[in-house]
Amino acid sequence: MPDTTPTVTTPPVTTSLLPSLATQAERLIELGVHELARIPAEELRAFAESADRGEGDFLLAVHPDRAPASALAPLLRRDGKPGFVVVDMPDVDGFAPCDVELPDTPLYLLAGLNRGDRMANWSPEEALPALTEEGRTPLLLTEGLHWVLQRPEVLERNRCFMTIGSRLRKANGALDARTPAIWISNGTGRDGRERRGAPKVGWCWWGNRHTWLGFASARGRSS
């Protein structure tokens, strides 16, 4: 029987430094995320100023209860094209934190983000225990969207990522077999040719592998 154990095919990737938290706050205000999340602009600025460490690896995130994925995705831009959620994922906002502890605050920070390129061609089922063993936490879908909002270049063709910290629980308590991911549309099928090259929120099966999807994770979260 052939060995089906996933192998590391590329080195780990950590993208360029994130802007200061103050700059990130202004970006969210420019996009109207503060209004969406019902957070006054001055409150957002004050949080960023109190937590700011200069340019580095800290990402400012809004709690998913305040800024859901369906509202964040259209704010993404790539080559002038807005982001979108695939039509067969109308329940995108039902993908909630699963075995992930979030600070109980509207705003919080993530540290040490990594796109997880080294796990390309692993399945979510294989990647999650490996990340846990390394002491890392998988990103939520909303956190991945915040990352791309601040650093659009993190989304590269053939180098995109899953956000397996978000799962959908069915009415019977079982987890849905889908897992969310952020990648770049090829403009095929129901996406439409006009969306070729646009940022895309879609899903993959929990047990499937994709050579072009890594597993985004962080070192941790704090308020």
Protein backbone atom coordinates (compact mmCIF):
# COMPACT_ATOMS: atom_id res chain seq x y z
CA MET A 1 0.00 0.00 0.00
CA PRO A 2 1.47 3.42 -0.91
CA ASP A 3 2.42 5.82 1.89
CA THR A 4 -0.25 8.52 2.11
CA THR A 5 1.40 10.52 4.90
CA PRO A 6 1.55 14.21 3.90
CA THR A 7 5.03 15.59 3.34
CA VAL A 8 6.37 19.09 3.73
CA THR A 9 7.02 20.38 0.22
CA THR A 10 7.72 24.08 0.86
CA PRO A 11 9.31 26.03 3.71
CA PRO A 12 7.13 27.88 6.20
CA VAL A 13 5.99 31.30 5.02
CA THR A 14 5.50 34.33 7.20
CA THR A 15 4.51 37.33 5.16
CA SER A 16 5.94 40.82 5.38
CA LEU A 17 5.56 42.78 8.60
CA LEU A 18 2.12 44.07 9.42
CA PRO A 19 1.62 47.83 9.73
CA SER A 20 1.37 49.37 13.18
CA LEU A 21 -1.89 48.83 15.02
CA ALA A 22 -2.66 52.53 14.65
CA THR A 23 -2.34 52.19 10.87
CA GLN A 24 -4.47 49.04 10.92
CA ALA A 25 -7.16 50.87 12.91
CA GLU A 26 -7.26 53.65 10.33
CA ARG A 27 -7.61 51.05 7.59
CA LEU A 28 -10.64 49.50 9.32
CA ILE A 29 -12.17 52.94 9.84
CA GLU A 30 -11.59 53.80 6.17
CA LEU A 31 -13.45 50.62 5.19
CA GLY A 32 -16.30 51.29 7.62
CA VAL A 33 -15.65 48.18 9.71
CA HIS A 34 -16.02 50.21 12.92
CA GLU A 35 -19.58 51.16 11.93
CA LEU A 36 -20.38 47.58 10.97
CA ALA A 37 -19.10 46.43 14.37
CA ARG A 38 -20.80 49.27 16.27
CA ILE A 39 -17.48 50.48 17.65
CA PRO A 40 -16.89 54.25 17.70
CA ALA A 41 -13.88 55.28 15.65
CA GLU A 42 -12.24 56.91 18.67
CA GLU A 43 -12.65 53.71 20.69
CA LEU A 44 -10.94 51.76 17.92
CA ARG A 45 -8.13 54.31 17.74
CA ALA A 46 -7.70 54.29 21.51
CA PHE A 47 -7.46 50.49 21.62
CA ALA A 48 -4.85 50.49 18.86
CA GLU A 49 -2.84 53.27 20.53
CA SER A 50 -2.80 51.53 23.91
CA ALA A 51 -1.69 48.22 22.39
CA ASP A 52 0.59 49.53 19.64
CA ARG A 53 4.07 48.04 19.40
CA GLY A 54 5.03 49.59 16.07
CA GLU A 55 5.37 47.67 12.84
CA GLY A 56 5.51 43.97 13.56
CA ASP A 57 3.56 40.75 13.61
CA PHE A 58 0.42 41.78 15.52
CA LEU A 59 -2.93 41.81 13.73
CA LEU A 60 -5.90 43.84 14.98
CA ALA A 61 -9.12 41.83 14.71
CA VAL A 62 -12.78 42.48 15.40
CA HIS A 63 -14.77 39.74 17.13
CA PRO A 64 -16.78 37.73 14.56
CA ASP A 65 -20.00 38.46 16.46
CA ARG A 66 -19.43 42.13 15.60
CA ALA A 67 -18.03 41.81 12.07
CA PRO A 68 -19.15 38.59 10.31
CA ALA A 69 -17.44 37.07 7.29
CA SER A 70 -20.31 37.92 4.94
CA ALA A 71 -19.73 41.63 5.61
CA LEU A 72 -15.91 41.53 5.55
CA ALA A 73 -15.46 39.51 2.35
CA PRO A 74 -16.82 42.23 -0.03
CA LEU A 75 -14.28 44.68 1.43
CA LEU A 76 -11.37 42.68 0.04
CA ARG A 77 -9.81 43.95 -3.17
CA ARG A 78 -7.45 42.40 -5.71
CA ASP A 79 -6.69 44.11 -9.00
CA GLY A 80 -9.64 46.38 -8.30
CA LYS A 81 -12.10 43.49 -7.93
CA PRO A 82 -14.09 43.06 -4.69
CA GLY A 83 -14.07 39.88 -2.70
CA PHE A 84 -17.10 37.59 -2.54
CA VAL A 85 -18.51 34.48 -0.88
CA VAL A 86 -19.35 31.52 -3.12
CA VAL A 87 -23.06 31.15 -3.82
CA ASP A 88 -23.26 27.69 -2.27
CA MET A 89 -22.11 29.03 1.11
CA PRO A 90 -25.12 31.11 2.22
CA ASP A 91 -24.48 29.89 5.77
CA VAL A 92 -20.97 31.37 5.88
CA ASP A 93 -21.66 33.30 9.10
CA GLY A 94 -22.63 30.07 10.82
CA PHE A 95 -18.99 28.93 10.71
CA ALA A 96 -18.06 29.75 14.30
CA PRO A 97 -14.94 29.28 16.46
CA CYS A 98 -14.40 25.58 17.12
CA ASP A 99 -12.05 24.59 19.96
CA VAL A 100 -10.64 28.13 19.73
CA GLU A 101 -10.75 30.51 22.70
CA LEU A 102 -11.38 34.14 21.78
CA PRO A 103 -10.90 37.10 24.10
CA ASP A 104 -14.29 38.25 25.36
CA THR A 105 -13.83 41.73 23.90
CA PRO A 106 -14.97 43.42 20.67
CA LEU A 107 -11.32 43.98 19.66
CA TYR A 108 -8.33 41.72 20.15
CA LEU A 109 -4.88 40.94 18.77
CA LEU A 110 -3.32 37.96 17.02
CA ALA A 111 0.42 37.38 17.06
CA GLY A 112 2.80 35.50 14.79
CA LEU A 113 0.59 34.83 11.77
CA ASN A 114 1.73 32.23 9.28
CA ARG A 115 0.08 31.19 6.01
CA GLY A 116 1.01 27.55 6.50
CA ASP A 117 2.52 26.92 3.07
CA ARG A 118 4.49 24.00 4.44
CA MET A 119 1.23 22.13 4.95
CA ALA A 120 0.06 22.52 1.38
CA ASN A 121 -1.39 19.20 0.22
CA TRP A 122 -2.40 18.26 3.77
CA SER A 123 -6.06 17.81 4.64
CA PRO A 124 -7.62 19.87 7.46
CA GLU A 125 -8.00 16.63 9.35
CA GLU A 126 -4.23 16.11 9.16
CA ALA A 127 -3.22 19.73 9.71
CA LEU A 128 -5.17 20.51 12.87
CA PRO A 129 -3.39 18.07 15.22
CA ALA A 130 -0.02 19.12 13.79
CA LEU A 131 -0.74 22.79 14.51
CA THR A 132 -1.96 21.91 18.00
CA GLU A 133 1.21 19.93 18.70
CA GLU A 134 3.26 22.96 17.65
CA GLY A 135 1.35 25.18 20.08
CA ARG A 136 -0.25 27.17 17.28
CA THR A 137 -3.91 28.05 16.81
CA PRO A 138 -5.73 27.91 13.45
CA LEU A 139 -7.20 31.16 12.20
CA LEU A 140 -10.91 31.82 12.08
CA LEU A 141 -12.36 32.81 8.72
CA THR A 142 -12.91 36.39 9.94
CA GLU A 143 -9.30 36.57 11.13
CA GLY A 144 -8.07 35.45 7.74
CA LEU A 145 -10.19 38.16 6.15
CA HIS A 146 -8.76 40.79 8.50
CA TRP A 147 -5.26 39.64 7.52
CA VAL A 148 -5.97 40.04 3.81
CA LEU A 149 -7.61 43.42 4.43
CA GLN A 150 -4.39 44.66 6.00
CA ARG A 151 -1.97 42.80 3.72
CA PRO A 152 -3.65 41.93 0.38
CA GLU A 153 -0.40 40.37 -0.87
CA VAL A 154 -0.82 37.50 1.59
CA LEU A 155 -3.26 36.06 -0.95
CA GLU A 156 -1.14 34.78 -3.84
CA ARG A 157 -2.19 32.59 -6.71
CA ASN A 158 -1.28 28.98 -5.87
CA ARG A 159 -0.43 30.12 -2.32
CA CYS A 160 -3.73 30.64 -0.52
CA PHE A 161 -5.03 29.27 2.77
CA MET A 162 -7.72 27.53 4.79
CA THR A 163 -9.09 28.90 8.06
CA ILE A 164 -9.96 25.76 9.95
CA GLY A 165 -10.57 27.45 13.30
CA SER A 166 -14.10 28.09 11.99
CA ARG A 167 -16.50 25.16 11.72
CA LEU A 168 -20.23 24.83 11.20
CA ARG A 169 -22.13 22.70 13.69
CA LYS A 170 -25.28 20.97 12.44
CA ALA A 171 -28.58 20.88 14.30
CA ASN A 172 -27.75 17.37 15.57
CA GLY A 173 -24.46 18.60 17.07
CA ALA A 174 -22.17 17.03 14.45
CA LEU A 175 -19.68 19.18 12.58
CA ASP A 176 -20.32 19.96 8.93
CA ALA A 177 -17.73 18.36 6.64
CA ARG A 178 -16.94 21.70 4.99
CA THR A 179 -14.15 23.99 6.13
CA PRO A 180 -13.73 27.61 4.97
CA ALA A 181 -10.84 28.93 2.91
CA ILE A 182 -9.78 32.14 1.17
CA TRP A 183 -8.35 31.97 -2.33
CA ILE A 184 -8.41 33.63 -5.75
CA SER A 185 -11.21 32.97 -8.20
CA ASN A 186 -10.44 31.62 -11.67
CA GLY A 187 -13.73 33.06 -12.92
CA THR A 188 -15.14 29.64 -13.75
CA GLY A 189 -18.55 28.13 -13.04
CA ARG A 190 -20.92 30.13 -10.91
CA ASP A 191 -18.21 32.63 -9.94
CA GLY A 192 -18.60 34.28 -13.35
CA ARG A 193 -15.85 35.41 -15.72
CA GLU A 194 -16.03 38.95 -14.39
CA ARG A 195 -14.74 37.67 -11.04
CA ARG A 196 -11.57 36.11 -12.40
CA GLY A 197 -8.73 37.20 -10.11
CA ALA A 198 -11.05 38.36 -7.30
CA PRO A 199 -10.57 37.29 -3.66
CA LYS A 200 -12.94 34.46 -2.86
CA VAL A 201 -14.33 32.84 0.29
CA GLY A 202 -15.20 29.23 -0.34
CA TRP A 203 -15.02 25.85 1.30
CA CYS A 204 -13.21 22.52 1.07
CA TRP A 205 -13.99 19.10 2.49
CA TRP A 206 -12.46 18.30 5.88
CA GLY A 207 -10.75 15.17 4.58
CA ASN A 208 -9.49 16.50 1.22
CA ARG A 209 -6.05 17.84 0.26
CA HIS A 210 -5.25 20.77 -2.03
CA THR A 211 -1.74 21.53 -3.27
CA TRP A 212 -2.40 25.27 -3.35
CA LEU A 213 -3.95 25.73 0.10
CA GLY A 214 -1.97 26.05 3.30
CA PHE A 215 -3.37 26.40 6.83
CA ALA A 216 -3.25 29.87 8.32
CA SER A 217 -2.43 29.96 12.02
CA ALA A 218 -1.24 32.26 14.79
CA ARG A 219 0.99 32.02 17.81
CA GLY A 220 -1.84 33.24 20.00
CA ARG A 221 -4.56 35.79 20.76
CA SER A 222 -4.82 38.46 23.44
CA SER A 223 -7.03 41.36 24.44
